[in-house]
Amino acid sequence: MQYVGKACILALTLSTTACLKNQTMPSAQLSQPTTTNAVALNEIEKLMLNELPIPLGFHLTAYEPSTPMTYCRYQGKLSLEKIETFLATDAERNGWSFNNLATPHVKTYLITKPSKTAIITLEQKNSSSILHVNLKTKRERP
């Protein structure tokens, strides 16, 4: 299982590196036809997203930073059941507290660390799986 965590970190690093090069993603990997380019991230954004438990082979297709919460969308090819298993094991292995809030119709998970909270919602579209991630970084008050 350690291999899966390391593979995930490698995949996230490679996918964000590809994003920095502004490579065009194939339209088959996109969940919305209006998005045509990979998402470019600066170094601070890469570091902020680096800790998220994202399965190997998933690519960042949307990134919307904002003050209260940051939204990210990742797309890949795993089944929802495999993603759920991955999230539960990888999140806890990397120091996140994992809470399954899923219902039969909505697959939602809450992961927390002392400095971050993320809500992950899974969606199946055709042969793709989509992870919607809303991330809030807790800031220390001076």
Protein backbone atom coordinates (compact mmCIF):
# COMPACT_ATOMS: atom_id res chain seq x y z
CA MET A 1 0.00 0.00 0.00
CA GLN A 2 2.93 2.40 0.47
CA TYR A 3 3.52 2.06 -3.26
CA VAL A 4 0.03 3.47 -4.00
CA GLY A 5 0.68 6.58 -1.89
CA LYS A 6 4.04 7.21 -3.51
CA ALA A 7 2.55 6.58 -6.94
CA CYS A 8 -0.21 9.09 -6.18
CA ILE A 9 2.30 11.75 -5.17
CA LEU A 10 4.33 11.06 -8.30
CA ALA A 11 1.21 11.27 -10.47
CA LEU A 12 0.11 14.53 -8.89
CA THR A 13 3.60 15.96 -9.33
CA LEU A 14 3.73 14.88 -12.96
CA SER A 15 0.25 16.18 -13.71
CA THR A 16 0.94 19.57 -12.12
CA THR A 17 4.28 19.74 -13.94
CA ALA A 18 2.43 19.13 -17.21
CA CYS A 19 0.01 21.87 -16.22
CA LEU A 20 2.87 24.31 -15.73
CA LYS A 21 3.98 23.67 -19.29
CA ASN A 22 0.47 24.66 -20.52
CA GLN A 23 0.06 21.48 -22.55
CA THR A 24 -3.31 20.98 -24.21
CA MET A 25 -5.31 18.10 -22.79
CA PRO A 26 -7.22 15.71 -25.08
CA SER A 27 -10.91 16.60 -25.20
CA ALA A 28 -11.85 13.06 -24.11
CA GLN A 29 -10.43 13.78 -20.65
CA LEU A 30 -12.47 16.92 -20.11
CA SER A 31 -15.75 16.93 -18.24
CA GLN A 32 -16.87 20.25 -19.74
CA PRO A 33 -16.37 20.99 -23.42
CA THR A 34 -15.51 24.66 -22.76
CA THR A 35 -12.23 23.74 -21.01
CA THR A 36 -9.49 23.16 -23.59
CA ASN A 37 -6.18 23.73 -21.80
CA ALA A 38 -4.53 22.20 -18.78
CA VAL A 39 -4.59 24.29 -15.66
CA ALA A 40 -1.45 26.33 -14.95
CA LEU A 41 -0.48 26.59 -11.29
CA ASN A 42 2.12 28.73 -9.58
CA GLU A 43 4.49 27.20 -7.00
CA ILE A 44 2.34 28.16 -4.00
CA GLU A 45 -0.76 26.62 -5.57
CA LYS A 46 1.16 23.43 -6.41
CA LEU A 47 2.29 23.11 -2.79
CA MET A 48 -1.22 23.72 -1.49
CA LEU A 49 -2.71 20.95 -3.69
CA ASN A 50 0.22 18.53 -3.34
CA GLU A 51 -1.14 16.94 -0.14
CA LEU A 52 -4.57 16.06 -1.55
CA PRO A 53 -5.23 12.32 -1.98
CA ILE A 54 -5.69 12.18 -5.76
CA PRO A 55 -5.55 8.76 -7.50
CA LEU A 56 -2.84 7.95 -10.02
CA GLY A 57 -3.85 8.92 -13.55
CA PHE A 58 -6.20 11.73 -12.56
CA HIS A 59 -5.56 15.14 -14.14
CA LEU A 60 -6.41 18.62 -12.88
CA THR A 61 -9.01 20.00 -15.33
CA ALA A 62 -10.30 23.01 -13.37
CA TYR A 63 -8.86 25.24 -10.66
CA GLU A 64 -10.67 28.20 -9.13
CA PRO A 65 -8.87 29.80 -6.19
CA SER A 66 -10.94 32.06 -4.00
CA THR A 67 -10.77 33.56 -0.56
CA PRO A 68 -13.12 31.27 1.38
CA MET A 69 -12.52 28.03 -0.54
CA THR A 70 -10.53 26.70 -3.49
CA TYR A 71 -12.26 24.50 -6.08
CA CYS A 72 -10.40 21.81 -8.06
CA ARG A 73 -11.72 19.26 -10.53
CA TYR A 74 -9.74 16.14 -11.36
CA GLN A 75 -10.68 13.62 -14.03
CA GLY A 76 -9.59 10.01 -14.55
CA LYS A 77 -10.77 6.50 -15.33
CA LEU A 78 -11.16 4.57 -12.04
CA SER A 79 -14.50 3.22 -10.80
CA LEU A 80 -16.17 5.11 -7.96
CA GLU A 81 -15.67 2.11 -5.65
CA LYS A 82 -11.91 2.05 -6.30
CA ILE A 83 -11.69 5.81 -5.76
CA GLU A 84 -13.54 5.53 -2.45
CA THR A 85 -11.17 2.79 -1.26
CA PHE A 86 -8.17 4.84 -2.38
CA LEU A 87 -9.42 8.00 -0.61
CA ALA A 88 -10.01 6.17 2.66
CA THR A 89 -6.58 4.52 2.76
CA ASP A 90 -4.42 7.23 1.21
CA ALA A 91 -5.98 10.12 3.12
CA GLU A 92 -5.41 8.46 6.50
CA ARG A 93 -1.92 7.29 5.51
CA ASN A 94 -0.99 10.91 4.76
CA GLY A 95 -2.33 12.40 7.98
CA TRP A 96 -5.86 13.31 6.89
CA SER A 97 -8.87 12.37 8.99
CA PHE A 98 -11.35 10.65 6.63
CA ASN A 99 -15.15 10.83 7.02
CA ASN A 100 -17.47 9.05 4.61
CA LEU A 101 -20.59 11.19 4.13
CA ALA A 102 -21.77 9.27 1.06
CA THR A 103 -25.38 8.38 0.38
CA PRO A 104 -26.56 5.95 -2.30
CA HIS A 105 -26.95 8.85 -4.74
CA VAL A 106 -24.19 11.29 -3.72
CA LYS A 107 -20.61 10.20 -3.01
CA THR A 108 -19.22 12.86 -0.67
CA TYR A 109 -16.25 12.66 1.69
CA LEU A 110 -14.79 15.04 4.26
CA ILE A 111 -11.05 14.95 4.92
CA THR A 112 -9.37 17.15 7.49
CA LYS A 113 -5.95 18.06 8.82
CA PRO A 114 -5.20 20.63 11.50
CA SER A 115 -4.49 23.24 8.82
CA LYS A 116 -6.82 22.11 5.98
CA THR A 117 -10.30 20.80 5.29
CA ALA A 118 -11.49 19.34 1.99
CA ILE A 119 -14.85 18.14 0.75
CA ILE A 120 -14.57 15.65 -2.11
CA THR A 121 -17.54 14.70 -4.25
CA LEU A 122 -17.33 11.93 -6.85
CA GLU A 123 -19.18 11.89 -10.14
CA GLN A 124 -19.33 9.34 -12.96
CA LYS A 125 -19.71 10.72 -16.51
CA ASN A 126 -19.64 8.23 -19.37
CA SER A 127 -16.35 6.34 -18.92
CA SER A 128 -14.73 9.05 -16.76
CA SER A 129 -14.71 9.65 -13.04
CA ILE A 130 -14.60 13.21 -11.75
CA LEU A 131 -13.41 14.38 -8.33
CA HIS A 132 -14.78 17.75 -7.26
CA VAL A 133 -12.60 19.07 -4.43
CA ASN A 134 -13.40 22.11 -2.29
CA LEU A 135 -10.37 22.94 -0.15
CA LYS A 136 -10.18 25.38 2.72
CA THR A 137 -6.85 26.25 4.29
CA LYS A 138 -7.14 27.36 7.90
CA ARG A 139 -5.04 30.40 8.63
CA GLU A 140 -3.59 31.10 12.02
CA ARG A 141 -4.68 34.37 13.55
CA PRO A 142 -1.89 36.74 14.58
